[in-house]
Amino acid sequence: MDHLDPDMDRGWNRRGRRRLPLEYRLCICGQVQTETTLRTGLKVAHSHLDQAQERMKLNYDKRHKVQIRTFKTGDSVLALLPLPNHPLQSKFYGPYTVLERAADLNYVIATPDRRKKIRKVHVNLLKLYKPRETLPNDNVAPVTLISAQVSDKTHDDDSSPFVGTKLANSQILADLSHKVMHLPPPQASDITSLLQEFQDVCGDVPQLCPLLQHDVDVQGARPIRQTPYRLGPEKR
């Protein structure tokens, strides 16, 4: 080896200090070269790993049409937060205000109704809040309310999809004259006879209608698949 002292096999160096034997110095030089080789290989491996991860990310984003979501300071957002007293369940709360952008994927939002008034949230747990547009009173469509009472007893027919739901049709049919008293006598008589003739249709438990069938033509559209997600106890 050229970098070693020519008289290294002697016991003393030029400064009068004791030198290590030749075999020890060769072993140390070999260890230094091995460590340098390993460090260089580690740097090359990390560089190749970063390139592979970047390539996989680009392919995933292209295949799944990933869109990067960004928010501005002052935007109203909904945040996916745990339910009170149910830390393993979560739902969207809000709207909250974005205070600042802490990083590329993290935002600081104000949550005044929570125990933690200001928190840092990942962008995957946020979505933009869009307020509902209010319609004028003239454009409000009428709504028909249908009341029903839930019965604890199940119906004898297990094939009925409305097991446990009971309507009040029998009570109405028992006092039908009071319900049709606002109609002219001919119309009230026709409705009364019609309802009495088809009492099985107006039962308290709704049944399936075997007389009509229909198909929904989706025109060859592909089915929409969505991963399951958790629901709050009030929506179950």
Protein backbone atom coordinates (compact mmCIF):
# COMPACT_ATOMS: atom_id res chain seq x y z
CA MET A 1 0.00 0.00 0.00
CA ASP A 2 1.52 3.36 -1.14
CA HIS A 3 0.16 5.59 1.58
CA LEU A 4 1.90 3.65 4.38
CA ASP A 5 5.30 4.68 5.75
CA PRO A 6 8.17 2.75 4.04
CA ASP A 7 9.66 1.95 7.44
CA MET A 8 6.30 1.07 9.02
CA ASP A 9 7.57 -2.36 9.98
CA ARG A 10 9.96 -0.69 12.39
CA GLY A 11 8.81 -0.11 15.98
CA TRP A 12 8.98 3.73 15.93
CA ASN A 13 7.76 6.49 13.66
CA ARG A 14 9.55 9.70 12.72
CA ARG A 15 8.21 11.53 15.81
CA GLY A 16 9.52 8.93 18.15
CA ARG A 17 6.12 7.39 18.97
CA ARG A 18 5.28 3.78 19.05
CA ARG A 19 3.65 2.52 15.84
CA LEU A 20 1.13 -0.27 15.52
CA PRO A 21 2.25 -3.47 13.89
CA LEU A 22 1.77 -3.77 10.14
CA GLU A 23 -0.98 -6.40 10.32
CA TYR A 24 -3.09 -4.18 12.62
CA ARG A 25 -2.75 -1.16 10.36
CA LEU A 26 -3.76 -3.22 7.32
CA CYS A 27 -6.85 -4.47 9.21
CA ILE A 28 -7.88 -0.91 10.14
CA CYS A 29 -7.47 0.28 6.54
CA GLY A 30 -9.65 -2.61 5.36
CA GLN A 31 -12.37 -1.71 7.85
CA VAL A 32 -12.33 1.92 6.73
CA GLN A 33 -12.64 0.91 3.08
CA THR A 34 -15.52 -1.47 3.91
CA GLU A 35 -17.36 1.24 5.86
CA THR A 36 -16.91 3.71 2.98
CA THR A 37 -18.26 1.15 0.51
CA LEU A 38 -21.29 0.44 2.70
CA ARG A 39 -22.10 4.14 3.12
CA THR A 40 -21.88 4.68 -0.62
CA GLY A 41 -24.13 1.70 -1.29
CA LEU A 42 -26.63 2.94 1.30
CA LYS A 43 -26.83 6.34 -0.42
CA VAL A 44 -27.40 4.68 -3.80
CA ALA A 45 -30.12 2.42 -2.32
CA HIS A 46 -31.94 5.42 -0.79
CA SER A 47 -31.76 7.27 -4.10
CA HIS A 48 -33.26 4.32 -6.00
CA LEU A 49 -35.96 3.91 -3.34
CA ASP A 50 -36.99 7.57 -3.66
CA GLN A 51 -37.19 7.24 -7.44
CA ALA A 52 -39.31 4.07 -7.17
CA GLN A 53 -41.69 5.69 -4.66
CA GLU A 54 -42.12 8.75 -6.86
CA ARG A 55 -42.82 6.57 -9.89
CA MET A 56 -45.39 4.48 -7.97
CA LYS A 57 -47.09 7.65 -6.73
CA LEU A 58 -47.38 9.05 -10.25
CA ASN A 59 -48.84 5.78 -11.55
CA TYR A 60 -51.36 5.60 -8.69
CA ASP A 61 -52.46 9.21 -9.13
CA LYS A 62 -52.87 8.69 -12.88
CA ARG A 63 -54.82 5.44 -12.53
CA HIS A 64 -57.17 6.69 -9.79
CA LYS A 65 -57.44 10.27 -11.13
CA VAL A 66 -56.32 11.74 -7.83
CA GLN A 67 -57.07 15.42 -7.37
CA ILE A 68 -55.05 17.48 -4.93
CA ARG A 69 -57.31 19.39 -2.56
CA THR A 70 -56.16 22.76 -1.31
CA PHE A 71 -57.87 25.25 0.96
CA LYS A 72 -57.31 28.93 1.56
CA THR A 73 -57.24 30.86 4.78
CA GLY A 74 -60.81 31.69 5.75
CA ASP A 75 -62.47 28.84 3.84
CA SER A 76 -65.30 26.97 5.53
CA VAL A 77 -64.66 23.22 5.79
CA LEU A 78 -66.14 20.12 7.37
CA ALA A 79 -63.80 18.02 9.52
CA LEU A 80 -64.00 14.29 10.23
CA LEU A 81 -63.74 14.19 14.03
CA PRO A 82 -64.50 11.52 16.67
CA LEU A 83 -67.93 11.41 18.25
CA PRO A 84 -68.17 12.59 21.87
CA ASN A 85 -67.81 9.63 24.25
CA HIS A 86 -67.24 7.35 21.22
CA PRO A 87 -63.58 7.70 20.20
CA LEU A 88 -63.74 4.81 17.72
CA GLN A 89 -66.56 6.43 15.72
CA SER A 90 -66.37 9.61 13.71
CA LYS A 91 -68.42 11.86 11.47
CA PHE A 92 -68.10 15.23 9.74
CA TYR A 93 -68.60 18.27 11.96
CA GLY A 94 -68.63 21.93 11.07
CA PRO A 95 -68.46 24.22 9.35
CA TYR A 96 -65.09 25.34 10.67
CA THR A 97 -62.75 28.07 9.47
CA VAL A 98 -59.27 27.41 8.07
CA LEU A 99 -56.73 29.51 9.96
CA GLU A 100 -53.54 28.65 8.09
CA ARG A 101 -51.78 26.03 6.02
CA ALA A 102 -49.24 24.34 8.28
CA ALA A 103 -47.73 22.07 5.60
CA ASP A 104 -48.49 20.68 2.16
CA LEU A 105 -51.07 18.26 3.60
CA ASN A 106 -51.88 19.75 7.02
CA TYR A 107 -54.17 22.65 7.90
CA VAL A 108 -54.90 24.46 11.15
CA ILE A 109 -58.63 24.97 11.74
CA ALA A 110 -60.64 26.61 14.51
CA THR A 111 -63.06 24.28 16.34
CA PRO A 112 -64.77 26.52 18.93
CA ASP A 113 -67.41 23.92 19.81
CA ARG A 114 -64.82 21.26 20.71
CA ARG A 115 -62.60 20.83 23.75
CA LYS A 116 -59.55 21.60 21.62
CA LYS A 117 -60.29 25.02 20.14
CA ILE A 118 -57.50 24.95 17.52
CA ARG A 119 -56.22 21.78 15.92
CA LYS A 120 -54.05 20.60 13.04
CA VAL A 121 -55.92 18.30 10.64
CA HIS A 122 -54.78 16.29 7.62
CA VAL A 123 -56.27 17.25 4.29
CA ASN A 124 -57.88 13.79 3.92
CA LEU A 125 -60.08 14.58 6.93
CA LEU A 126 -61.38 17.84 5.45
CA LYS A 127 -63.85 18.70 2.73
CA LEU A 128 -65.12 22.03 1.48
CA TYR A 129 -68.36 23.24 3.04
CA LYS A 130 -70.96 24.42 0.54
CA PRO A 131 -73.93 26.21 2.12
CA ARG A 132 -77.37 25.14 0.99
CA GLU A 133 -79.02 27.54 -1.38
CA THR A 134 -82.30 28.96 -0.07
CA LEU A 135 -85.23 28.95 -2.47
CA PRO A 136 -87.92 31.63 -2.58
CA ASN A 137 -91.19 30.79 -0.91
CA ASP A 138 -92.97 30.70 -4.27
CA ASN A 139 -90.77 27.83 -5.50
CA VAL A 140 -91.19 25.60 -2.47
CA ALA A 141 -92.79 22.32 -3.49
CA PRO A 142 -95.58 20.95 -1.29
CA VAL A 143 -94.65 18.04 0.95
CA THR A 144 -97.02 15.22 1.86
CA LEU A 145 -96.53 13.77 5.33
CA ILE A 146 -97.37 10.13 5.99
CA SER A 147 -97.60 9.07 9.61
CA ALA A 148 -97.01 5.52 10.75
CA GLN A 149 -96.64 3.85 14.12
CA VAL A 150 -94.09 1.13 14.84
CA SER A 151 -95.50 -2.09 16.20
CA ASP A 152 -93.55 -4.37 18.51
CA LYS A 153 -95.20 -7.43 16.99
CA THR A 154 -93.93 -8.80 13.72
CA HIS A 155 -96.24 -9.76 10.92
CA ASP A 156 -97.01 -13.39 10.24
CA ASP A 157 -95.76 -13.13 6.65
CA ASP A 158 -91.93 -13.29 6.83
CA SER A 159 -91.66 -12.38 3.15
CA SER A 160 -92.95 -8.86 3.78
CA PRO A 161 -90.14 -6.28 3.58
CA PHE A 162 -92.04 -4.01 6.03
CA VAL A 163 -91.93 -6.32 9.04
CA GLY A 164 -92.60 -4.36 12.24
CA THR A 165 -94.26 -1.36 10.51
CA LYS A 166 -97.97 -0.88 11.13
CA LEU A 167 -100.20 1.76 9.57
CA ALA A 168 -103.50 3.11 10.85
CA ASN A 169 -105.65 2.11 7.84
CA SER A 170 -107.97 -0.12 9.87
CA GLN A 171 -108.86 2.79 12.17
CA ILE A 172 -109.62 5.00 9.17
CA LEU A 173 -111.80 2.33 7.54
CA ALA A 174 -113.72 1.85 10.80
CA ASP A 175 -114.70 5.55 10.77
CA LEU A 176 -114.72 6.19 7.04
CA SER A 177 -117.83 8.35 7.05
CA HIS A 178 -116.03 10.99 9.11
CA LYS A 179 -113.16 11.10 6.58
CA VAL A 180 -115.38 11.61 3.50
CA MET A 181 -117.96 13.96 5.01
CA HIS A 182 -116.47 16.93 3.10
CA LEU A 183 -117.28 15.25 -0.27
CA PRO A 184 -120.59 15.30 -2.09
CA PRO A 185 -122.77 12.29 -1.28
CA PRO A 186 -122.22 10.53 -4.68
CA GLN A 187 -118.44 10.80 -4.43
CA ALA A 188 -118.43 9.75 -0.79
CA SER A 189 -120.53 6.68 -1.67
CA ASP A 190 -118.21 5.72 -4.53
CA ILE A 191 -115.08 6.01 -2.39
CA THR A 192 -116.65 4.07 0.47
CA SER A 193 -117.71 1.19 -1.77
CA LEU A 194 -114.30 1.14 -3.48
CA LEU A 195 -112.39 0.94 -0.21
CA GLN A 196 -114.69 -1.73 1.18
CA GLU A 197 -114.23 -3.82 -1.99
CA PHE A 198 -110.41 -3.70 -1.79
CA GLN A 199 -109.82 -3.84 1.93
CA ASP A 200 -106.90 -6.27 1.48
CA VAL A 201 -104.98 -3.53 -0.36
CA CYS A 202 -105.52 -1.06 2.49
CA GLY A 203 -104.24 -3.26 5.28
CA ASP A 204 -102.23 -2.07 8.25
CA VAL A 205 -99.10 -3.89 7.04
CA PRO A 206 -97.99 -2.99 3.49
CA GLN A 207 -97.50 -5.91 1.14
CA LEU A 208 -95.76 -6.44 -2.18
CA CYS A 209 -97.77 -5.83 -5.33
CA PRO A 210 -97.46 -8.86 -7.67
CA LEU A 211 -99.42 -7.22 -10.51
CA LEU A 212 -96.77 -4.84 -11.81
CA GLN A 213 -93.09 -5.24 -12.60
CA HIS A 214 -90.58 -2.86 -14.10
CA ASP A 215 -86.94 -2.86 -15.13
CA VAL A 216 -84.44 -0.03 -14.79
CA ASP A 217 -82.36 0.46 -17.93
CA VAL A 218 -78.94 1.88 -17.02
CA GLN A 219 -77.81 1.86 -20.67
CA GLY A 220 -74.71 -0.22 -20.04
CA ALA A 221 -73.31 2.03 -17.32
CA ARG A 222 -70.67 0.51 -15.09
CA PRO A 223 -71.66 -0.05 -11.45
CA ILE A 224 -70.32 2.48 -8.98
CA ARG A 225 -68.26 0.86 -6.26
CA GLN A 226 -67.64 2.60 -2.98
CA THR A 227 -65.65 1.43 -0.02
CA PRO A 228 -67.65 0.97 3.18
CA TYR A 229 -67.40 3.67 5.81
CA ARG A 230 -68.49 4.03 9.39
CA LEU A 231 -71.79 5.62 10.36
CA GLY A 232 -72.67 7.38 13.54
CA PRO A 233 -75.05 5.71 15.98
CA GLU A 234 -77.81 8.18 15.12
CA LYS A 235 -77.73 7.08 11.45
CA ARG A 236 -77.74 3.35 12.08
